[in-house]
C-alpha atoms as a PDB file:
ATOM      1  CA  MET A   1     -12.069  30.485  19.973  1.00  0.00           C
ATOM      2  CA  GLU A   2      -7.997  28.173  20.428  1.00  0.00           C
ATOM      3  CA  ARG A   3      -8.973  25.550  22.748  1.00  0.00           C
ATOM      4  CA  LYS A   4     -12.021  24.908  20.505  1.00  0.00           C
ATOM      5  CA  CYS A   5     -10.080  24.333  17.204  1.00  0.00           C
ATOM      6  CA  GLY A   6      -7.331  21.824  19.051  1.00  0.00           C
ATOM      7  CA  MET A   7     -10.435  20.048  20.202  1.00  0.00           C
ATOM      8  CA  LYS A   8     -11.720  19.374  16.806  1.00  0.00           C
ATOM      9  CA  LYS A   9      -7.922  18.257  15.216  1.00  0.00           C
ATOM     10  CA  THR A  10      -8.051  15.701  17.990  1.00  0.00           C
ATOM     11  CA  VAL A  11     -11.951  15.077  17.020  1.00  0.00           C
ATOM     12  CA  SER A  12      -9.928  15.100  13.353  1.00  0.00           C
ATOM     13  CA  VAL A  13      -7.881  12.434  14.770  1.00  0.00           C
ATOM     14  CA  ILE A  14     -10.025   9.932  16.577  1.00  0.00           C
ATOM     15  CA  VAL A  15     -12.564   8.806  13.381  1.00  0.00           C
ATOM     16  CA  LEU A  16      -9.823   8.577  11.308  1.00  0.00           C
ATOM     17  CA  LEU A  17      -7.977   6.385  13.688  1.00  0.00           C
ATOM     18  CA  CYS A  18     -11.239   4.417  14.519  1.00  0.00           C
ATOM     19  CA  THR A  19     -11.630   4.977  10.599  1.00  0.00           C
ATOM     20  CA  ILE A  20      -8.941   3.097   9.789  1.00  0.00           C
ATOM     21  CA  PHE A  21      -9.100   0.228  12.345  1.00  0.00           C
ATOM     22  CA  LEU A  22     -12.473  -0.308  11.176  1.00  0.00           C
ATOM     23  CA  ALA A  23     -11.390  -0.602   7.563  1.00  0.00           C
ATOM     24  CA  GLY A  24      -9.135  -3.336   9.130  1.00  0.00           C
ATOM     25  CA  CYS A  25     -12.727  -5.357  10.683  1.00  0.00           C
ATOM     26  CA  GLY A  26     -13.445  -5.363   6.758  1.00  0.00           C
ATOM     27  CA  GLU A  27     -13.227  -8.343   4.366  1.00  0.00           C
ATOM     28  CA  GLU A  28      -9.957  -8.595   3.351  1.00  0.00           C
ATOM     29  CA  THR A  29     -10.868  -7.428   0.248  1.00  0.00           C
ATOM     30  CA  ALA A  30     -11.569  -3.678   1.384  1.00  0.00           C
ATOM     31  CA  ASN A  31      -8.441  -2.207   0.293  1.00  0.00           C
ATOM     32  CA  PRO A  32      -7.170  -2.600  -3.240  1.00  0.00           C
ATOM     33  CA  TYR A  33      -4.151  -4.581  -3.864  1.00  0.00           C
ATOM     34  CA  PHE A  34      -2.193  -4.903  -6.434  1.00  0.00           C
ATOM     35  CA  ASN A  35       0.621  -7.367  -7.517  1.00  0.00           C
ATOM     36  CA  ALA A  36       4.180  -5.756  -9.207  1.00  0.00           C
ATOM     37  CA  THR A  37       7.874  -6.760  -9.615  1.00  0.00           C
ATOM     38  CA  VAL A  38      10.292  -4.289  -7.744  1.00  0.00           C
ATOM     39  CA  LEU A  39      12.508  -2.397 -11.076  1.00  0.00           C
ATOM     40  CA  GLU A  40      14.210  -0.095  -8.948  1.00  0.00           C
ATOM     41  CA  VAL A  41      14.534  -0.479  -4.381  1.00  0.00           C
ATOM     42  CA  TYR A  42      15.398   3.888  -3.228  1.00  0.00           C
ATOM     43  CA  GLU A  43      15.223   4.094   0.944  1.00  0.00           C
ATOM     44  CA  LYS A  44      12.251   4.955   1.814  1.00  0.00           C
ATOM     45  CA  SER A  45      10.100   3.599  -1.895  1.00  0.00           C
ATOM     46  CA  VAL A  46      10.151   1.567  -4.675  1.00  0.00           C
ATOM     47  CA  LEU A  47       9.922   1.347  -8.255  1.00  0.00           C
ATOM     48  CA  VAL A  48       7.923  -1.510  -9.184  1.00  0.00           C
ATOM     49  CA  GLU A  49       5.945  -2.584 -13.015  1.00  0.00           C
ATOM     50  CA  PRO A  50       2.247  -4.413 -12.164  1.00  0.00           C
ATOM     51  CA  PHE A  51       1.507  -7.712 -13.372  1.00  0.00           C
ATOM     52  CA  GLU A  52      -0.338  -8.210 -16.155  1.00  0.00           C
ATOM     53  CA  GLY A  53      -4.453  -7.245 -16.278  1.00  0.00           C
ATOM     54  CA  GLU A  54      -3.461  -6.030 -13.265  1.00  0.00           C
ATOM     55  CA  VAL A  55      -6.556  -2.625 -12.946  1.00  0.00           C
ATOM     56  CA  GLU A  56      -2.896  -0.376 -11.981  1.00  0.00           C
ATOM     57  CA  LEU A  57      -1.841  -0.438 -15.318  1.00  0.00           C
ATOM     58  CA  SER A  58      -3.954   1.149 -16.694  1.00  0.00           C
ATOM     59  CA  SER A  59      -3.123   4.125 -14.592  1.00  0.00           C
ATOM     60  CA  SER A  60       0.566   3.821 -15.421  1.00  0.00           C
ATOM     61  CA  ASP A  61       3.441   1.435 -16.073  1.00  0.00           C
ATOM     62  CA  GLN A  62       5.780   1.894 -13.376  1.00  0.00           C
ATOM     63  CA  ILE A  63       4.852   2.809 -10.092  1.00  0.00           C
ATOM     64  CA  VAL A  64       6.513   3.927  -6.630  1.00  0.00           C
ATOM     65  CA  VAL A  65       5.116   2.845  -3.867  1.00  0.00           C
ATOM     66  CA  SER A  66       6.148   4.196  -0.265  1.00  0.00           C
ATOM     67  CA  THR A  67       8.182   1.498   1.720  1.00  0.00           C
ATOM     68  CA  GLU A  68       6.761   3.181   4.815  1.00  0.00           C
ATOM     69  CA  VAL A  69       3.324   1.163   6.132  1.00  0.00           C
ATOM     70  CA  VAL A  70       0.462   1.854   7.757  1.00  0.00           C
ATOM     71  CA  SER A  71      -0.080  -1.406   9.267  1.00  0.00           C
ATOM     72  CA  THR A  72       2.543  -3.502  11.478  1.00  0.00           C
ATOM     73  CA  HIS A  73       3.588  -5.839   9.573  1.00  0.00           C
ATOM     74  CA  GLU A  74       6.977  -5.272   8.387  1.00  0.00           C
ATOM     75  CA  VAL A  75       8.156  -4.384   5.459  1.00  0.00           C
ATOM     76  CA  PRO A  76       9.849  -7.301   4.205  1.00  0.00           C
ATOM     77  CA  GLN A  77      13.661  -7.013   3.009  1.00  0.00           C
ATOM     78  CA  MET A  78      13.154  -5.978  -1.843  1.00  0.00           C
ATOM     79  CA  GLU A  79      15.510  -6.797  -4.000  1.00  0.00           C
ATOM     80  CA  VAL A  80      15.793  -6.085  -7.921  1.00  0.00           C
ATOM     81  CA  GLY A  81      13.427  -8.790  -9.522  1.00  0.00           C
ATOM     82  CA  ASP A  82      10.831  -9.587  -6.095  1.00  0.00           C
ATOM     83  CA  THR A  83       7.798  -9.607  -6.379  1.00  0.00           C
ATOM     84  CA  ILE A  84       5.621  -7.946  -4.281  1.00  0.00           C
ATOM     85  CA  ARG A  85       1.632  -7.420  -3.678  1.00  0.00           C
ATOM     86  CA  ILE A  86       1.077  -3.510  -2.299  1.00  0.00           C
ATOM     87  CA  VAL A  87      -2.352  -3.281  -0.263  1.00  0.00           C
ATOM     88  CA  TYR A  88      -2.825   1.201  -0.691  1.00  0.00           C
ATOM     89  CA  ASN A  89      -6.093   3.109  -0.071  1.00  0.00           C
ATOM     90  CA  GLY A  90      -6.534   3.622  -4.100  1.00  0.00           C
ATOM     91  CA  GLU A  91      -5.424   6.598  -4.334  1.00  0.00           C
ATOM     92  CA  ILE A  92      -2.129   7.054  -7.462  1.00  0.00           C
ATOM     93  CA  ALA A  93      -1.189  10.240  -7.606  1.00  0.00           C
ATOM     94  CA  GLU A  94      -1.422  10.884 -11.992  1.00  0.00           C
ATOM     95  CA  SER A  95       2.189  11.522 -12.226  1.00  0.00           C
ATOM     96  CA  TYR A  96       5.443   9.506 -14.588  1.00  0.00           C
ATOM     97  CA  PRO A  97       5.813   7.216 -12.933  1.00  0.00           C
ATOM     98  CA  ALA A  98       2.676   6.649 -10.498  1.00  0.00           C
ATOM     99  CA  GLN A  99       2.621   6.698  -7.610  1.00  0.00           C
ATOM    100  CA  ILE A 100       0.283   5.825  -4.506  1.00  0.00           C
ATOM    101  CA  ALA A 101       1.363   7.238  -1.247  1.00  0.00           C
ATOM    102  CA  THR A 102      -0.702   5.730   1.296  1.00  0.00           C
ATOM    103  CA  VAL A 103      -0.217   2.010   1.634  1.00  0.00           C
ATOM    104  CA  PHE A 104      -1.236   0.265   4.558  1.00  0.00           C
ATOM    105  CA  ALA A 105       1.651  -3.176   4.139  1.00  0.00           C
ATOM    106  CA  ILE A 106       3.433  -5.184   1.242  1.00  0.00           C
ATOM    107  CA  TYR A 107       3.347  -8.652   0.964  1.00  0.00           C
ATOM    108  CA  PRO A 108       6.489 -11.250  -0.975  1.00  0.00           C
ATOM    109  CA  VAL A 109       4.435 -13.233  -3.149  1.00  0.00           C
ATOM    110  CA  ASP A 110       5.345 -15.457  -5.891  1.00  0.00           C
ATOM    111  CA  GLU A 111       5.446 -14.789 -10.347  1.00  0.00           C
ATOM    112  CA  SER A 112       2.144 -15.964 -10.429  1.00  0.00           C
ATOM    113  CA  GLY A 113       0.974 -13.774  -7.139  1.00  0.00           C
ATOM    114  CA  GLU A 114       0.329 -16.427  -4.828  1.00  0.00           C
ATOM    115  CA  LEU A 115       0.654 -14.549  -0.853  1.00  0.00           C
ATOM    116  CA  LEU A 116       3.900 -16.414   0.434  1.00  0.00           C
ATOM    117  CA  GLY A 117       5.338 -17.750   3.832  1.00  0.00           C
ATOM    118  CA  ASP A 118       3.106 -16.528   7.089  1.00  0.00           C
ATOM    119  CA  ALA A 119       1.351 -14.000   4.639  1.00  0.00           C
ATOM    120  CA  GLY A 120      -0.784 -16.064   3.739  1.00  0.00           C
ATOM    121  CA  GLU A 121      -3.727 -14.078   5.093  1.00  0.00           C
ATOM    122  CA  ALA A 122      -3.344 -10.939   4.198  1.00  0.00           C
ATOM    123  CA  GLY A 123      -4.896  -8.858   0.681  1.00  0.00           C
END
């Protein structure tokens, strides 16, 4: 019985990894994202305000975003006032401020939401 349970966990992990991998192979717009301004920087997260017009504003005007990302893309150093793009799994915890725990990547953007630097292929 114990061996069956371990096997189920292994299969579940493999299925999860395949799902994440296949999501990255689809169109660039497969994962939701939004642009935001950094309000506060913490050790493992940032507090952001979504840009005007972003759908995420319907959840909250302030969102805590984890900086522990799933991808291998390096998370940029962030300061208050920076503008960033957050690529995430689409789930926002309804609290205040709202929270996003599963983040795939964070990229720097300019004030108009255009990706900066080598992040041009992201999102």
